[in-house]
Structure formats: structure tokens, C-alpha cells
Amino acid sequence: MDKNIKEQLKQRLLKEKAKLSGLLENMTNEKEFNKDKVQVTWNDIGDKEEDNAVEVAHYQDSISLERDLEVNLEKIENALKKIDKENFGKCVKCGNDINPERLIAYPEAEACITCASKKRN
């Protein structure tokens, strides 16, 4: 893969990592994230039954969002590690090169399109 493209992807990944980290930090008031532990804060709205229902719904949504953000952050961190180790763009399933167009569209991709398609079936 062209070094310029790889550097551009690295910068994109770093920018996205900072964005996701900021969102998670705002949600959890934490600087370290653990995808195996719920860290989102509970918002106490009030004591009425309607308030409690809103609190629970908001908390459930926040847990789901936290998990999604943590999973995406982990994928980004893995891609950044691969860039540093010089094995970025290799399919984890078959070992072949991942198409550069796929990486431009989705730099966190760990599998080539052939192997990724097999996973869905």
C-alpha cells in the first residue's frame, strides 16, 4: 500500500479515535474505557413514575451507545497498531492484502471482502 495513503488513513483513524474517546469520556466521566464494564453515568431526572421511566430508557440507550463506541474505538486502536507494526491491510483470515479501496472506505477493516462476505453467510 502506498505510504501516503497509509499516512492519510492513520491520520483519519487518530482523528476518529479522539472523537470517540471524547464522546465516551463525556458519557462515562472516565478516561480509561472497559468494554466489559458499564461505565455510563445514571441521570437522575426526578422521583415521579414518568421520570423513572425516562431515566431507565435513557440509561438503556446510553449503555448500548457506550458499548458501540467502545467496540469501534477498539477496532480503530487495532488498526493503528497494525499500521505501526507494518501489517496493516492484511486479511486476518486468509493473509491476503485487503483491497486499498476497502481500506479507504473502512480503514478498520480486518478482513478482505471475500472473507468478510463468508462471515455473513
Protein backbone atom coordinates (compact mmCIF):
# COMPACT_ATOMS: atom_id res chain seq x y z
CA MET A 1 0.00 0.00 0.00
CA ASP A 2 1.17 3.49 -0.85
CA LYS A 3 2.81 5.19 2.16
CA ASN A 4 0.91 8.44 1.56
CA ILE A 5 -2.43 6.65 1.63
CA LYS A 6 -1.38 4.74 4.74
CA GLU A 7 -0.42 8.01 6.47
CA GLN A 8 -3.72 9.63 5.47
CA LEU A 9 -5.60 6.65 6.88
CA LYS A 10 -3.56 6.82 10.07
CA GLN A 11 -4.46 10.49 10.50
CA ARG A 12 -8.13 9.71 9.87
CA LEU A 13 -8.03 6.93 12.44
CA LEU A 14 -6.33 9.16 15.01
CA LYS A 15 -8.95 11.85 14.47
CA GLU A 16 -11.77 9.33 14.85
CA LYS A 17 -10.11 7.85 17.94
CA ALA A 18 -10.00 11.29 19.58
CA LYS A 19 -13.64 11.90 18.68
CA LEU A 20 -14.84 8.56 20.09
CA SER A 21 -12.69 8.93 23.21
CA GLY A 22 -14.21 12.37 23.82
CA LEU A 23 -17.74 11.04 23.42
CA LEU A 24 -17.03 8.16 25.80
CA GLU A 25 -15.38 10.45 28.32
CA ASN A 26 -18.44 12.72 28.30
CA MET A 27 -20.77 9.75 28.74
CA THR A 28 -18.83 7.98 31.46
CA ASN A 29 -16.74 10.67 33.16
CA GLU A 30 -13.84 8.21 32.76
CA LYS A 31 -10.55 8.50 30.90
CA GLU A 32 -10.00 4.74 30.58
CA PHE A 33 -12.65 2.59 28.95
CA ASN A 34 -13.52 -1.02 29.64
CA LYS A 35 -15.88 -2.67 27.18
CA ASP A 36 -16.57 -5.42 29.72
CA LYS A 37 -17.92 -2.97 32.30
CA VAL A 38 -20.79 -0.48 32.12
CA GLN A 39 -19.34 2.92 32.91
CA VAL A 40 -22.07 5.24 31.68
CA THR A 41 -23.48 7.53 34.36
CA TRP A 42 -27.07 7.38 35.58
CA ASN A 43 -29.01 10.61 35.16
CA ASP A 44 -31.46 11.20 37.99
CA ILE A 45 -34.30 13.21 36.50
CA GLY A 46 -36.85 13.02 39.27
CA ASP A 47 -38.98 10.88 41.57
CA LYS A 48 -42.18 10.63 39.56
CA GLU A 49 -43.05 7.42 37.77
CA GLU A 50 -42.71 9.10 34.36
CA ASP A 51 -39.30 10.44 35.35
CA ASN A 52 -38.18 6.96 36.37
CA ALA A 53 -39.32 5.53 33.04
CA VAL A 54 -37.35 8.21 31.18
CA GLU A 55 -34.29 7.54 33.36
CA VAL A 56 -34.39 3.80 32.61
CA ALA A 57 -34.92 4.31 28.87
CA HIS A 58 -32.09 6.85 28.72
CA TYR A 59 -29.78 4.57 30.70
CA GLN A 60 -30.51 1.59 28.43
CA ASP A 61 -29.85 3.70 25.33
CA SER A 62 -26.65 5.02 26.88
CA ILE A 63 -25.40 1.52 27.70
CA SER A 64 -25.96 0.44 24.10
CA LEU A 65 -24.26 3.55 22.74
CA GLU A 66 -21.34 3.14 25.15
CA ARG A 67 -20.81 -0.44 24.00
CA ASP A 68 -20.92 0.54 20.31
CA LEU A 69 -18.45 3.37 20.85
CA GLU A 70 -16.08 1.09 22.79
CA VAL A 71 -16.20 -1.60 20.09
CA ASN A 72 -15.49 0.99 17.38
CA LEU A 73 -12.69 2.50 19.45
CA GLU A 74 -11.12 -0.93 19.88
CA LYS A 75 -11.25 -1.53 16.10
CA ILE A 76 -9.57 1.82 15.49
CA GLU A 77 -6.86 1.09 18.07
CA ASN A 78 -6.22 -2.31 16.46
CA ALA A 79 -5.88 -0.70 13.02
CA LEU A 80 -3.45 1.88 14.42
CA LYS A 81 -1.36 -0.90 15.99
CA LYS A 82 -1.25 -2.70 12.65
CA ILE A 83 -0.08 0.46 10.91
CA ASP A 84 2.74 0.79 13.45
CA LYS A 85 3.68 -2.90 13.11
CA GLU A 86 3.64 -2.69 9.31
CA ASN A 87 0.99 -5.41 8.92
CA PHE A 88 -1.85 -3.03 8.12
CA GLY A 89 -4.01 -4.09 5.19
CA LYS A 90 -3.56 -7.85 5.60
CA CYS A 91 -6.63 -10.04 5.99
CA VAL A 92 -6.69 -11.76 9.38
CA LYS A 93 -8.48 -14.76 7.83
CA CYS A 94 -6.55 -15.57 4.66
CA GLY A 95 -3.47 -13.35 4.92
CA ASN A 96 -4.03 -11.70 1.53
CA ASP A 97 -3.90 -7.96 1.01
CA ILE A 98 -7.13 -6.09 1.66
CA ASN A 99 -8.15 -4.03 -1.35
CA PRO A 100 -6.94 -0.43 -0.84
CA GLU A 101 -10.37 0.90 -1.83
CA ARG A 102 -11.91 -1.11 1.00
CA LEU A 103 -9.38 0.31 3.45
CA ILE A 104 -10.02 3.85 2.23
CA ALA A 105 -13.73 3.33 2.81
CA TYR A 106 -13.28 1.42 6.08
CA PRO A 107 -9.75 1.69 7.49
CA GLU A 108 -10.64 -0.53 10.47
CA ALA A 109 -11.30 -3.49 8.15
CA GLU A 110 -9.62 -6.64 9.38
CA ALA A 111 -10.71 -8.92 6.57
CA CYS A 112 -10.72 -8.79 2.80
CA ILE A 113 -14.13 -8.53 1.18
CA THR A 114 -14.14 -12.25 0.29
CA CYS A 115 -13.55 -13.35 3.87
CA ALA A 116 -15.87 -10.68 5.28
CA SER A 117 -18.63 -11.91 2.95
CA LYS A 118 -18.14 -15.52 4.12
CA LYS A 119 -18.60 -14.39 7.74
CA ARG A 120 -22.09 -13.05 6.97
CA ASN A 121 -23.32 -16.29 5.38
